[in-house]
Amino acid sequence: MPIFSILVLHGPNLNLLGVREPALYGGYTLEQINAELERLAKEEGVRLEIRQSNSEGELVNWIQEARHHFDALVINPAAYTHTSIALRDAIAGIGLPTVEVHLTNIHRRESFRRRSYIAGVAL
């Protein structure tokens, strides 16, 4: 039976987790979060590939490439949630089930963070 494969993408500044505003984002580092994701994936028999970038273009390239290698996409677009039509269009264009995730409730944050360009093309 083929293994279900998921690409997990972390957006800008998530490499600073554990240091950047721990009162808001918590004390876990990105490495700790990734280790837990990998543990859960192994438990469920799912293959994960996890990447992080501060570059919008690099994220777009990875999303476009995902359609050939993965069954689904999980993305925390971070600040690009509120600004990136390019990420939205890339996700819409690949036809993979996509889940948008965040570390905080964007609807309880500053008003400029409440709009997600990604939500309309994610599950």
C-alpha atoms as a PDB file:
ATOM      1  CA  MET A   1       0.000   0.000   0.000  1.00  0.00           C
ATOM      2  CA  PRO A   2       1.485   3.385  -0.950  1.00  0.00           C
ATOM      3  CA  ILE A   3       2.386   5.691   1.885  1.00  0.00           C
ATOM      4  CA  PHE A   4       0.390   8.917   2.105  1.00  0.00           C
ATOM      5  CA  SER A   5       2.800  11.835   1.835  1.00  0.00           C
ATOM      6  CA  ILE A   6       2.377  15.366   3.144  1.00  0.00           C
ATOM      7  CA  LEU A   7       4.468  18.463   2.530  1.00  0.00           C
ATOM      8  CA  VAL A   8       4.529  20.747   5.575  1.00  0.00           C
ATOM      9  CA  LEU A   9       5.559  24.342   4.895  1.00  0.00           C
ATOM     10  CA  HIS A  10       6.416  26.902   7.551  1.00  0.00           C
ATOM     11  CA  GLY A  11       6.462  30.533   6.456  1.00  0.00           C
ATOM     12  CA  PRO A  12       8.488  33.587   7.431  1.00  0.00           C
ATOM     13  CA  ASN A  13       9.921  34.097  10.896  1.00  0.00           C
ATOM     14  CA  LEU A  14       8.805  30.698  12.157  1.00  0.00           C
ATOM     15  CA  ASN A  15      12.487  29.775  12.377  1.00  0.00           C
ATOM     16  CA  LEU A  16      12.545  32.211  15.327  1.00  0.00           C
ATOM     17  CA  LEU A  17       9.977  30.305  17.392  1.00  0.00           C
ATOM     18  CA  GLY A  18      11.035  29.951  21.005  1.00  0.00           C
ATOM     19  CA  VAL A  19      12.803  33.331  20.818  1.00  0.00           C
ATOM     20  CA  ARG A  20      10.323  35.601  19.045  1.00  0.00           C
ATOM     21  CA  GLU A  21       7.510  36.826  21.293  1.00  0.00           C
ATOM     22  CA  PRO A  22       7.233  33.693  23.456  1.00  0.00           C
ATOM     23  CA  ALA A  23       4.315  35.209  25.384  1.00  0.00           C
ATOM     24  CA  LEU A  24       2.347  35.145  22.128  1.00  0.00           C
ATOM     25  CA  TYR A  25       3.767  32.134  20.269  1.00  0.00           C
ATOM     26  CA  GLY A  26       4.914  29.967  23.173  1.00  0.00           C
ATOM     27  CA  GLY A  27       8.305  28.587  24.051  1.00  0.00           C
ATOM     28  CA  TYR A  28       8.505  25.697  21.598  1.00  0.00           C
ATOM     29  CA  THR A  29      11.115  25.956  18.887  1.00  0.00           C
ATOM     30  CA  LEU A  30      10.384  25.050  15.282  1.00  0.00           C
ATOM     31  CA  GLU A  31      12.660  22.038  15.726  1.00  0.00           C
ATOM     32  CA  GLN A  32      10.518  20.814  18.643  1.00  0.00           C
ATOM     33  CA  ILE A  33       7.301  21.300  16.655  1.00  0.00           C
ATOM     34  CA  ASN A  34       8.796  19.458  13.685  1.00  0.00           C
ATOM     35  CA  ALA A  35       9.948  16.581  15.907  1.00  0.00           C
ATOM     36  CA  GLU A  36       6.409  16.183  17.248  1.00  0.00           C
ATOM     37  CA  LEU A  37       4.957  16.280  13.724  1.00  0.00           C
ATOM     38  CA  GLU A  38       7.428  13.601  12.638  1.00  0.00           C
ATOM     39  CA  ARG A  39       6.562  11.448  15.660  1.00  0.00           C
ATOM     40  CA  LEU A  40       2.842  11.669  14.890  1.00  0.00           C
ATOM     41  CA  ALA A  41       3.414  10.969  11.197  1.00  0.00           C
ATOM     42  CA  LYS A  42       5.461   7.869  11.973  1.00  0.00           C
ATOM     43  CA  GLU A  43       2.755   6.679  14.359  1.00  0.00           C
ATOM     44  CA  GLU A  44       0.157   7.057  11.573  1.00  0.00           C
ATOM     45  CA  GLY A  45       2.343   5.650   8.801  1.00  0.00           C
ATOM     46  CA  VAL A  46       2.479   8.955   6.929  1.00  0.00           C
ATOM     47  CA  ARG A  47       5.538  10.357   5.157  1.00  0.00           C
ATOM     48  CA  LEU A  48       6.272  14.003   5.963  1.00  0.00           C
ATOM     49  CA  GLU A  49       8.645  16.428   4.384  1.00  0.00           C
ATOM     50  CA  ILE A  50       9.013  19.629   6.385  1.00  0.00           C
ATOM     51  CA  ARG A  51      10.468  22.895   5.080  1.00  0.00           C
ATOM     52  CA  GLN A  52      10.671  26.500   6.273  1.00  0.00           C
ATOM     53  CA  SER A  53      11.410  29.641   4.294  1.00  0.00           C
ATOM     54  CA  ASN A  54      11.319  33.367   4.787  1.00  0.00           C
ATOM     55  CA  SER A  55      11.053  33.777   1.009  1.00  0.00           C
ATOM     56  CA  GLU A  56       7.655  34.001  -0.676  1.00  0.00           C
ATOM     57  CA  GLY A  57       9.087  32.888  -4.012  1.00  0.00           C
ATOM     58  CA  GLU A  58      10.706  29.814  -2.522  1.00  0.00           C
ATOM     59  CA  LEU A  59       7.411  28.827  -0.870  1.00  0.00           C
ATOM     60  CA  VAL A  60       5.602  29.267  -4.212  1.00  0.00           C
ATOM     61  CA  ASN A  61       8.183  27.053  -5.943  1.00  0.00           C
ATOM     62  CA  TRP A  62       7.803  24.335  -3.309  1.00  0.00           C
ATOM     63  CA  ILE A  63       4.003  24.471  -3.577  1.00  0.00           C
ATOM     64  CA  GLN A  64       4.152  24.106  -7.354  1.00  0.00           C
ATOM     65  CA  GLU A  65       6.587  21.182  -7.106  1.00  0.00           C
ATOM     66  CA  ALA A  66       4.404  19.474  -4.474  1.00  0.00           C
ATOM     67  CA  ARG A  67       1.786  18.407  -7.011  1.00  0.00           C
ATOM     68  CA  HIS A  68       4.238  15.856  -8.424  1.00  0.00           C
ATOM     69  CA  HIS A  69       5.452  14.378  -5.135  1.00  0.00           C
ATOM     70  CA  PHE A  70       2.847  14.721  -2.377  1.00  0.00           C
ATOM     71  CA  ASP A  71      -0.757  13.827  -1.589  1.00  0.00           C
ATOM     72  CA  ALA A  72      -1.509  16.873   0.564  1.00  0.00           C
ATOM     73  CA  LEU A  73      -0.104  20.166   1.792  1.00  0.00           C
ATOM     74  CA  VAL A  74      -0.113  21.632   5.295  1.00  0.00           C
ATOM     75  CA  ILE A  75       0.979  25.258   5.427  1.00  0.00           C
ATOM     76  CA  ASN A  76       1.479  27.900   8.060  1.00  0.00           C
ATOM     77  CA  PRO A  77       1.927  30.889   5.755  1.00  0.00           C
ATOM     78  CA  ALA A  78       2.589  33.116   8.784  1.00  0.00           C
ATOM     79  CA  ALA A  79       2.626  36.798   7.760  1.00  0.00           C
ATOM     80  CA  TYR A  80       2.082  35.832   4.104  1.00  0.00           C
ATOM     81  CA  THR A  81      -1.430  34.765   5.149  1.00  0.00           C
ATOM     82  CA  HIS A  82      -2.506  38.390   4.975  1.00  0.00           C
ATOM     83  CA  THR A  83      -0.487  39.558   1.989  1.00  0.00           C
ATOM     84  CA  SER A  84       0.274  36.827  -0.514  1.00  0.00           C
ATOM     85  CA  ILE A  85      -1.985  36.379  -3.483  1.00  0.00           C
ATOM     86  CA  ALA A  86       0.942  34.478  -5.030  1.00  0.00           C
ATOM     87  CA  LEU A  87       0.721  31.749  -2.360  1.00  0.00           C
ATOM     88  CA  ARG A  88      -3.052  31.616  -2.779  1.00  0.00           C
ATOM     89  CA  ASP A  89      -2.779  31.224  -6.542  1.00  0.00           C
ATOM     90  CA  ALA A  90      -0.079  28.555  -6.238  1.00  0.00           C
ATOM     91  CA  ILE A  91      -2.217  26.520  -3.833  1.00  0.00           C
ATOM     92  CA  ALA A  92      -5.285  26.923  -6.045  1.00  0.00           C
ATOM     93  CA  GLY A  93      -3.270  25.806  -9.050  1.00  0.00           C
ATOM     94  CA  ILE A  94      -1.913  22.497  -7.748  1.00  0.00           C
ATOM     95  CA  GLY A  95      -5.149  20.717  -6.868  1.00  0.00           C
ATOM     96  CA  LEU A  96      -3.847  19.161  -3.638  1.00  0.00           C
ATOM     97  CA  PRO A  97      -5.892  19.106  -0.447  1.00  0.00           C
ATOM     98  CA  THR A  98      -4.402  21.919   1.625  1.00  0.00           C
ATOM     99  CA  VAL A  99      -4.765  22.699   5.310  1.00  0.00           C
ATOM    100  CA  GLU A 100      -3.888  26.178   6.585  1.00  0.00           C
ATOM    101  CA  VAL A 101      -2.648  26.265  10.184  1.00  0.00           C
ATOM    102  CA  HIS A 102      -1.542  29.000  12.580  1.00  0.00           C
ATOM    103  CA  LEU A 103       0.014  29.108  16.029  1.00  0.00           C
ATOM    104  CA  THR A 104      -2.392  31.819  17.183  1.00  0.00           C
ATOM    105  CA  ASN A 105      -6.008  32.658  16.457  1.00  0.00           C
ATOM    106  CA  ILE A 106      -5.663  35.198  13.639  1.00  0.00           C
ATOM    107  CA  HIS A 107      -9.215  36.425  14.267  1.00  0.00           C
ATOM    108  CA  ARG A 108      -8.232  37.585  17.756  1.00  0.00           C
ATOM    109  CA  ARG A 109      -5.145  39.446  16.613  1.00  0.00           C
ATOM    110  CA  GLU A 110      -4.656  42.899  15.110  1.00  0.00           C
ATOM    111  CA  SER A 111      -7.226  43.813  12.463  1.00  0.00           C
ATOM    112  CA  PHE A 112      -4.688  43.562   9.630  1.00  0.00           C
ATOM    113  CA  ARG A 113      -4.036  39.911  10.587  1.00  0.00           C
ATOM    114  CA  ARG A 114      -7.682  38.833  10.391  1.00  0.00           C
ATOM    115  CA  ARG A 115      -7.812  38.463   6.620  1.00  0.00           C
ATOM    116  CA  SER A 116      -6.488  35.261   5.092  1.00  0.00           C
ATOM    117  CA  TYR A 117      -5.861  35.064   1.372  1.00  0.00           C
ATOM    118  CA  ILE A 118      -5.198  31.348   1.855  1.00  0.00           C
ATOM    119  CA  ALA A 119      -8.464  30.336   3.555  1.00  0.00           C
ATOM    120  CA  GLY A 120     -10.475  30.353   0.336  1.00  0.00           C
ATOM    121  CA  VAL A 121      -8.280  27.676  -1.264  1.00  0.00           C
ATOM    122  CA  ALA A 122      -7.683  25.530   1.842  1.00  0.00           C
ATOM    123  CA  LEU A 123      -9.926  22.962   3.523  1.00  0.00           C
END
